[in-house]
Amino acid sequence: MKTNNTFFKHSEGQILFFGLFLLVIFLFLLALSAYFNPNEFNVLLSMTASNIIFGRMTGLSIGISSQMDTTLLIAFNLFIESIMVLIFYPLFVLSWKSLHVVSYAPLDDFLKRSQKSAEKYQPLIKKYGIIGLVFFVLTPFAMTGPVVGSFVGYLMGLSHLTTLIVVLFSTLIAIILWTYFIKNFEATLIIYSDTLITVLSAAAIIFLLSYVIKRRFL
């Protein structure tokens, strides 16, 4: 990571610092869970990996199948997605300004793909303003959601504060809506909870291995 003494005095640096601070807290809480309640840790870890790799629906499905408290489930997934936004959003802004703070090929690839997606949807979303951005974040399709939504907010010319408030509030609404939608299938998910966690964990491992092999050997 390339930084200078004034980096964290700028708003992008402060947002990134706060995101990294929340990430440290998140990892600390996971470590506490692993020590005091290994079974709960396995569920939380599976939810985290599934949310990051496959999206919030799979993460929420694991939590519901494990009969996690609804409030905790919503808060936990909001925490995950908030951290992602608070880390990737400032990195995107700095990349857009040609100020590359991090030189890491997979991250650069992600930012480039996300930039293309944000540029693709930005004209349509800008037509409807903040309401359009809210619906974009709520949409459960590939390359939509809070992270790319925050990029779109920046391209729309919204301030950092407005973008983050709109995106994170929309994320909370989306998580609540999907939680209660998926709960309609709770009985089935509970029956297959162990299978669901195993399959998604295996899929995540295969996904990561295939990515590493592709990057190194192909």
C-alpha atoms as a PDB file:
ATOM      1  CA  MET A   1       0.000   0.000   0.000  1.00  0.00           C
ATOM      2  CA  LYS A   2       1.390   3.348  -1.068  1.00  0.00           C
ATOM      3  CA  THR A   3       0.643   6.126   1.394  1.00  0.00           C
ATOM      4  CA  ASN A   4       2.023   9.463   2.496  1.00  0.00           C
ATOM      5  CA  ASN A   5       1.723  11.480   5.691  1.00  0.00           C
ATOM      6  CA  THR A   6      -1.350  13.374   4.504  1.00  0.00           C
ATOM      7  CA  PHE A   7      -3.311  10.444   3.059  1.00  0.00           C
ATOM      8  CA  PHE A   8      -5.581   9.941   6.058  1.00  0.00           C
ATOM      9  CA  LYS A   9      -6.280  13.674   6.258  1.00  0.00           C
ATOM     10  CA  HIS A  10      -8.346  13.388   3.074  1.00  0.00           C
ATOM     11  CA  SER A  11     -11.943  12.155   3.163  1.00  0.00           C
ATOM     12  CA  GLU A  12     -11.179   9.045   1.088  1.00  0.00           C
ATOM     13  CA  GLY A  13      -8.375   8.092   3.469  1.00  0.00           C
ATOM     14  CA  GLN A  14     -10.602   8.629   6.499  1.00  0.00           C
ATOM     15  CA  ILE A  15     -13.360   6.452   5.010  1.00  0.00           C
ATOM     16  CA  LEU A  16     -10.827   3.719   4.216  1.00  0.00           C
ATOM     17  CA  PHE A  17      -9.352   3.938   7.714  1.00  0.00           C
ATOM     18  CA  PHE A  18     -12.811   3.594   9.260  1.00  0.00           C
ATOM     19  CA  GLY A  19     -13.565   0.597   7.031  1.00  0.00           C
ATOM     20  CA  LEU A  20     -10.305  -1.085   8.038  1.00  0.00           C
ATOM     21  CA  PHE A  21     -11.032  -0.295  11.694  1.00  0.00           C
ATOM     22  CA  LEU A  22     -14.420  -2.019  11.406  1.00  0.00           C
ATOM     23  CA  LEU A  23     -12.720  -4.955   9.676  1.00  0.00           C
ATOM     24  CA  VAL A  24     -10.359  -5.367  12.643  1.00  0.00           C
ATOM     25  CA  ILE A  25     -13.333  -5.317  15.026  1.00  0.00           C
ATOM     26  CA  PHE A  26     -15.140  -7.848  12.835  1.00  0.00           C
ATOM     27  CA  LEU A  27     -12.157 -10.228  12.822  1.00  0.00           C
ATOM     28  CA  PHE A  28     -11.756  -9.806  16.589  1.00  0.00           C
ATOM     29  CA  LEU A  29     -15.412 -10.744  17.139  1.00  0.00           C
ATOM     30  CA  LEU A  30     -14.985 -13.781  14.888  1.00  0.00           C
ATOM     31  CA  ALA A  31     -11.937 -14.808  16.916  1.00  0.00           C
ATOM     32  CA  LEU A  32     -13.920 -14.510  20.153  1.00  0.00           C
ATOM     33  CA  SER A  33     -16.680 -16.620  18.633  1.00  0.00           C
ATOM     34  CA  ALA A  34     -14.160 -19.260  17.538  1.00  0.00           C
ATOM     35  CA  TYR A  35     -12.800 -19.473  21.087  1.00  0.00           C
ATOM     36  CA  PHE A  36     -16.040 -19.434  23.079  1.00  0.00           C
ATOM     37  CA  ASN A  37     -18.528 -20.972  20.640  1.00  0.00           C
ATOM     38  CA  PRO A  38     -16.937 -22.970  17.777  1.00  0.00           C
ATOM     39  CA  ASN A  39     -20.292 -24.099  16.379  1.00  0.00           C
ATOM     40  CA  GLU A  40     -21.513 -20.516  16.066  1.00  0.00           C
ATOM     41  CA  PHE A  41     -18.161 -19.551  14.555  1.00  0.00           C
ATOM     42  CA  ASN A  42     -18.580 -22.119  11.774  1.00  0.00           C
ATOM     43  CA  VAL A  43     -21.957 -20.603  10.901  1.00  0.00           C
ATOM     44  CA  LEU A  44     -20.634 -17.024  11.011  1.00  0.00           C
ATOM     45  CA  LEU A  45     -17.615 -17.923   8.888  1.00  0.00           C
ATOM     46  CA  SER A  46     -19.787 -19.717   6.331  1.00  0.00           C
ATOM     47  CA  MET A  47     -22.157 -16.739   6.213  1.00  0.00           C
ATOM     48  CA  THR A  48     -19.266 -14.333   5.719  1.00  0.00           C
ATOM     49  CA  ALA A  49     -17.646 -16.307   2.903  1.00  0.00           C
ATOM     50  CA  SER A  50     -20.981 -16.942   1.188  1.00  0.00           C
ATOM     51  CA  ASN A  51     -22.014 -13.290   1.386  1.00  0.00           C
ATOM     52  CA  ILE A  52     -18.720 -12.078  -0.073  1.00  0.00           C
ATOM     53  CA  ILE A  53     -18.439 -14.689  -2.832  1.00  0.00           C
ATOM     54  CA  PHE A  54     -22.044 -15.509  -3.738  1.00  0.00           C
ATOM     55  CA  GLY A  55     -24.031 -12.555  -2.380  1.00  0.00           C
ATOM     56  CA  ARG A  56     -26.315 -11.761   0.522  1.00  0.00           C
ATOM     57  CA  MET A  57     -29.043 -14.306  -0.351  1.00  0.00           C
ATOM     58  CA  THR A  58     -26.737 -17.261   0.302  1.00  0.00           C
ATOM     59  CA  GLY A  59     -25.349 -15.694   3.462  1.00  0.00           C
ATOM     60  CA  LEU A  60     -28.823 -15.018   4.807  1.00  0.00           C
ATOM     61  CA  SER A  61     -29.956 -18.529   3.847  1.00  0.00           C
ATOM     62  CA  ILE A  62     -27.189 -20.055   5.961  1.00  0.00           C
ATOM     63  CA  GLY A  63     -28.109 -17.892   8.940  1.00  0.00           C
ATOM     64  CA  ILE A  64     -31.798 -18.725   8.664  1.00  0.00           C
ATOM     65  CA  SER A  65     -31.123 -22.438   8.217  1.00  0.00           C
ATOM     66  CA  SER A  66     -29.037 -22.302  11.416  1.00  0.00           C
ATOM     67  CA  GLN A  67     -31.964 -20.599  13.221  1.00  0.00           C
ATOM     68  CA  MET A  68     -29.926 -17.515  14.054  1.00  0.00           C
ATOM     69  CA  ASP A  69     -31.745 -14.710  15.841  1.00  0.00           C
ATOM     70  CA  THR A  70     -33.278 -12.448  13.184  1.00  0.00           C
ATOM     71  CA  THR A  71     -31.906  -9.205  14.632  1.00  0.00           C
ATOM     72  CA  LEU A  72     -28.402 -10.664  14.894  1.00  0.00           C
ATOM     73  CA  LEU A  73     -28.687 -12.070  11.366  1.00  0.00           C
ATOM     74  CA  ILE A  74     -29.618  -8.683   9.903  1.00  0.00           C
ATOM     75  CA  ALA A  75     -26.971  -6.825  11.928  1.00  0.00           C
ATOM     76  CA  PHE A  76     -24.229  -9.315  11.044  1.00  0.00           C
ATOM     77  CA  ASN A  77     -24.876  -9.155   7.303  1.00  0.00           C
ATOM     78  CA  LEU A  78     -25.175  -5.364   7.416  1.00  0.00           C
ATOM     79  CA  PHE A  79     -21.814  -5.271   9.194  1.00  0.00           C
ATOM     80  CA  ILE A  80     -20.222  -7.392   6.440  1.00  0.00           C
ATOM     81  CA  GLU A  81     -21.616  -5.318   3.587  1.00  0.00           C
ATOM     82  CA  SER A  82     -20.856  -2.014   5.316  1.00  0.00           C
ATOM     83  CA  ILE A  83     -17.209  -3.012   5.692  1.00  0.00           C
ATOM     84  CA  MET A  84     -17.055  -3.944   2.009  1.00  0.00           C
ATOM     85  CA  VAL A  85     -18.495  -0.570   0.986  1.00  0.00           C
ATOM     86  CA  LEU A  86     -16.279   1.448   3.340  1.00  0.00           C
ATOM     87  CA  ILE A  87     -13.147  -0.268   2.007  1.00  0.00           C
ATOM     88  CA  PHE A  88     -13.890  -0.561  -1.712  1.00  0.00           C
ATOM     89  CA  TYR A  89     -15.612   2.813  -2.161  1.00  0.00           C
ATOM     90  CA  PRO A  90     -12.581   4.970  -1.260  1.00  0.00           C
ATOM     91  CA  LEU A  91     -10.291   2.660  -3.248  1.00  0.00           C
ATOM     92  CA  PHE A  92     -12.554   3.126  -6.276  1.00  0.00           C
ATOM     93  CA  VAL A  93     -12.579   6.913  -5.876  1.00  0.00           C
ATOM     94  CA  LEU A  94      -8.794   7.012  -5.594  1.00  0.00           C
ATOM     95  CA  SER A  95      -8.466   4.704  -8.599  1.00  0.00           C
ATOM     96  CA  TRP A  96     -10.821   6.963 -10.568  1.00  0.00           C
ATOM     97  CA  LYS A  97      -8.564   9.890  -9.697  1.00  0.00           C
ATOM     98  CA  SER A  98      -5.575   7.803 -10.868  1.00  0.00           C
ATOM     99  CA  LEU A  99      -4.253   7.660  -7.308  1.00  0.00           C
ATOM    100  CA  HIS A 100      -3.528   3.948  -6.949  1.00  0.00           C
ATOM    101  CA  VAL A 101      -3.139   3.319  -3.231  1.00  0.00           C
ATOM    102  CA  VAL A 102      -3.028  -0.468  -3.620  1.00  0.00           C
ATOM    103  CA  SER A 103      -1.178  -2.342  -6.371  1.00  0.00           C
ATOM    104  CA  TYR A 104      -2.764  -5.797  -6.371  1.00  0.00           C
ATOM    105  CA  ALA A 105      -3.885  -7.435  -9.622  1.00  0.00           C
ATOM    106  CA  PRO A 106      -7.115  -9.120  -8.384  1.00  0.00           C
ATOM    107  CA  LEU A 107      -8.235  -5.871  -6.731  1.00  0.00           C
ATOM    108  CA  ASP A 108      -7.393  -3.885  -9.860  1.00  0.00           C
ATOM    109  CA  ASP A 109      -9.409  -6.354 -11.959  1.00  0.00           C
ATOM    110  CA  PHE A 110     -12.380  -6.054  -9.604  1.00  0.00           C
ATOM    111  CA  LEU A 111     -12.275  -2.262  -9.669  1.00  0.00           C
ATOM    112  CA  LYS A 112     -12.075  -2.224 -13.473  1.00  0.00           C
ATOM    113  CA  ARG A 113     -15.063  -4.589 -13.831  1.00  0.00           C
ATOM    114  CA  SER A 114     -17.009  -2.611 -11.269  1.00  0.00           C
ATOM    115  CA  GLN A 115     -16.154   0.650 -13.002  1.00  0.00           C
ATOM    116  CA  LYS A 116     -17.534  -0.669 -16.297  1.00  0.00           C
ATOM    117  CA  SER A 117     -20.720  -1.789 -14.565  1.00  0.00           C
ATOM    118  CA  ALA A 118     -21.083   1.541 -12.744  1.00  0.00           C
ATOM    119  CA  GLU A 119     -20.555   3.496 -15.974  1.00  0.00           C
ATOM    120  CA  LYS A 120     -23.106   1.286 -17.731  1.00  0.00           C
ATOM    121  CA  TYR A 121     -25.890   1.908 -15.202  1.00  0.00           C
ATOM    122  CA  GLN A 122     -25.009   5.455 -14.141  1.00  0.00           C
ATOM    123  CA  PRO A 123     -26.944   7.351 -16.883  1.00  0.00           C
ATOM    124  CA  LEU A 124     -30.169   5.448 -16.153  1.00  0.00           C
ATOM    125  CA  ILE A 125     -29.827   5.722 -12.384  1.00  0.00           C
ATOM    126  CA  LYS A 126     -28.927   9.416 -12.557  1.00  0.00           C
ATOM    127  CA  LYS A 127     -32.196  10.015 -14.423  1.00  0.00           C
ATOM    128  CA  TYR A 128     -34.095   8.997 -11.275  1.00  0.00           C
ATOM    129  CA  GLY A 129     -31.600  10.416  -8.791  1.00  0.00           C
ATOM    130  CA  ILE A 130     -31.325   9.010  -5.291  1.00  0.00           C
ATOM    131  CA  ILE A 131     -34.464   6.881  -5.755  1.00  0.00           C
ATOM    132  CA  GLY A 132     -32.779   5.205  -8.720  1.00  0.00           C
ATOM    133  CA  LEU A 133     -29.693   4.507  -6.624  1.00  0.00           C
ATOM    134  CA  VAL A 134     -31.836   2.995  -3.865  1.00  0.00           C
ATOM    135  CA  PHE A 135     -33.486   0.581  -6.300  1.00  0.00           C
ATOM    136  CA  PHE A 136     -30.098  -0.303  -7.816  1.00  0.00           C
ATOM    137  CA  VAL A 137     -28.783  -1.334  -4.409  1.00  0.00           C
ATOM    138  CA  LEU A 138     -31.957  -3.335  -3.752  1.00  0.00           C
ATOM    139  CA  THR A 139     -31.651  -5.238  -7.056  1.00  0.00           C
ATOM    140  CA  PRO A 140     -30.347  -8.805  -6.536  1.00  0.00           C
ATOM    141  CA  PHE A 141     -28.463  -9.151  -9.836  1.00  0.00           C
ATOM    142  CA  ALA A 142     -24.784  -9.575 -10.682  1.00  0.00           C
ATOM    143  CA  MET A 143     -22.670  -6.410 -10.414  1.00  0.00           C
ATOM    144  CA  THR A 144     -25.406  -4.529  -8.558  1.00  0.00           C
ATOM    145  CA  GLY A 145     -25.743  -4.065  -4.806  1.00  0.00           C
ATOM    146  CA  PRO A 146     -24.045  -1.783  -2.290  1.00  0.00           C
ATOM    147  CA  VAL A 147     -20.431  -1.822  -3.484  1.00  0.00           C
ATOM    148  CA  VAL A 148     -21.118  -1.026  -7.141  1.00  0.00           C
ATOM    149  CA  GLY A 149     -23.995   1.182  -5.973  1.00  0.00           C
ATOM    150  CA  SER A 150     -21.523   3.323  -4.044  1.00  0.00           C
ATOM    151  CA  PHE A 151     -19.412   3.632  -7.200  1.00  0.00           C
ATOM    152  CA  VAL A 152     -22.482   4.762  -9.142  1.00  0.00           C
ATOM    153  CA  GLY A 153     -23.245   7.335  -6.445  1.00  0.00           C
ATOM    154  CA  TYR A 154     -19.790   8.815  -6.883  1.00  0.00           C
ATOM    155  CA  LEU A 155     -20.149   8.925 -10.682  1.00  0.00           C
ATOM    156  CA  MET A 156     -23.508  10.683 -10.213  1.00  0.00           C
ATOM    157  CA  GLY A 157     -21.684  13.474  -8.428  1.00  0.00           C
ATOM    158  CA  LEU A 158     -23.123  12.785  -4.981  1.00  0.00           C
ATOM    159  CA  SER A 159     -21.007  13.709  -1.981  1.00  0.00           C
ATOM    160  CA  HIS A 160     -19.242  10.942  -0.075  1.00  0.00           C
ATOM    161  CA  LEU A 161     -21.600  11.337   2.886  1.00  0.00           C
ATOM    162  CA  THR A 162     -24.761  11.268   0.759  1.00  0.00           C
ATOM    163  CA  THR A 163     -23.545   8.257  -1.210  1.00  0.00           C
ATOM    164  CA  LEU A 164     -22.678   6.246   1.893  1.00  0.00           C
ATOM    165  CA  ILE A 165     -25.899   7.124   3.739  1.00  0.00           C
ATOM    166  CA  VAL A 166     -28.093   6.216   0.751  1.00  0.00           C
ATOM    167  CA  VAL A 167     -26.193   3.019  -0.044  1.00  0.00           C
ATOM    168  CA  LEU A 168     -25.977   1.711   3.526  1.00  0.00           C
ATOM    169  CA  PHE A 169     -29.607   2.583   4.305  1.00  0.00           C
ATOM    170  CA  SER A 170     -30.695   0.814   1.102  1.00  0.00           C
ATOM    171  CA  THR A 171     -28.524  -2.148   2.078  1.00  0.00           C
ATOM    172  CA  LEU A 172     -30.290  -2.388   5.443  1.00  0.00           C
ATOM    173  CA  ILE A 173     -33.696  -2.332   3.729  1.00  0.00           C
ATOM    174  CA  ALA A 174     -32.572  -4.982   1.232  1.00  0.00           C
ATOM    175  CA  ILE A 175     -31.273  -7.274   3.976  1.00  0.00           C
ATOM    176  CA  ILE A 176     -34.510  -6.945   5.961  1.00  0.00           C
ATOM    177  CA  LEU A 177     -36.662  -7.660   2.895  1.00  0.00           C
ATOM    178  CA  TRP A 178     -34.610 -10.671   1.824  1.00  0.00           C
ATOM    179  CA  THR A 179     -34.498 -12.025   5.380  1.00  0.00           C
ATOM    180  CA  TYR A 180     -38.267 -12.140   5.676  1.00  0.00           C
ATOM    181  CA  PHE A 181     -38.630 -13.452   2.118  1.00  0.00           C
ATOM    182  CA  ILE A 182     -36.196 -16.317   2.724  1.00  0.00           C
ATOM    183  CA  LYS A 183     -37.877 -17.076   6.061  1.00  0.00           C
ATOM    184  CA  ASN A 184     -40.835 -18.362   4.032  1.00  0.00           C
ATOM    185  CA  PHE A 185     -38.597 -21.334   3.231  1.00  0.00           C
ATOM    186  CA  GLU A 186     -37.177 -21.646   6.754  1.00  0.00           C
ATOM    187  CA  ALA A 187     -38.534 -25.142   7.431  1.00  0.00           C
ATOM    188  CA  THR A 188     -36.880 -26.529   4.304  1.00  0.00           C
ATOM    189  CA  LEU A 189     -33.613 -24.705   4.989  1.00  0.00           C
ATOM    190  CA  ILE A 190     -33.454 -26.068   8.541  1.00  0.00           C
ATOM    191  CA  ILE A 191     -33.819 -29.636   7.267  1.00  0.00           C
ATOM    192  CA  TYR A 192     -30.938 -29.181   4.828  1.00  0.00           C
ATOM    193  CA  SER A 193     -28.854 -26.753   6.916  1.00  0.00           C
ATOM    194  CA  ASP A 194     -25.783 -29.006   7.225  1.00  0.00           C
ATOM    195  CA  THR A 195     -25.907 -29.860   3.538  1.00  0.00           C
ATOM    196  CA  LEU A 196     -26.296 -26.199   2.604  1.00  0.00           C
ATOM    197  CA  ILE A 197     -23.254 -25.141   4.624  1.00  0.00           C
ATOM    198  CA  THR A 198     -21.163 -28.030   3.266  1.00  0.00           C
ATOM    199  CA  VAL A 199     -22.104 -27.408  -0.365  1.00  0.00           C
ATOM    200  CA  LEU A 200     -21.532 -23.650  -0.180  1.00  0.00           C
ATOM    201  CA  SER A 201     -18.240 -24.081   1.670  1.00  0.00           C
ATOM    202  CA  ALA A 202     -17.063 -26.575  -0.955  1.00  0.00           C
ATOM    203  CA  ALA A 203     -18.196 -24.242  -3.734  1.00  0.00           C
ATOM    204  CA  ALA A 204     -16.299 -21.353  -2.140  1.00  0.00           C
ATOM    205  CA  ILE A 205     -13.114 -23.440  -1.898  1.00  0.00           C
ATOM    206  CA  ILE A 206     -13.458 -24.595  -5.525  1.00  0.00           C
ATOM    207  CA  PHE A 207     -14.069 -21.009  -6.625  1.00  0.00           C
ATOM    208  CA  LEU A 208     -10.957 -19.744  -4.840  1.00  0.00           C
ATOM    209  CA  LEU A 209      -8.779 -22.623  -6.085  1.00  0.00           C
ATOM    210  CA  SER A 210      -9.923 -22.155  -9.679  1.00  0.00           C
ATOM    211  CA  TYR A 211      -9.185 -18.438  -9.412  1.00  0.00           C
ATOM    212  CA  VAL A 212      -5.675 -19.064  -8.042  1.00  0.00           C
ATOM    213  CA  ILE A 213      -4.937 -21.684 -10.714  1.00  0.00           C
ATOM    214  CA  LYS A 214      -6.212 -19.395 -13.456  1.00  0.00           C
ATOM    215  CA  ARG A 215      -4.097 -16.493 -12.208  1.00  0.00           C
ATOM    216  CA  ARG A 216      -0.912 -18.518 -11.794  1.00  0.00           C
ATOM    217  CA  PHE A 217      -0.941 -21.125 -14.541  1.00  0.00           C
ATOM    218  CA  LEU A 218      -3.299 -20.014 -17.342  1.00  0.00           C
END
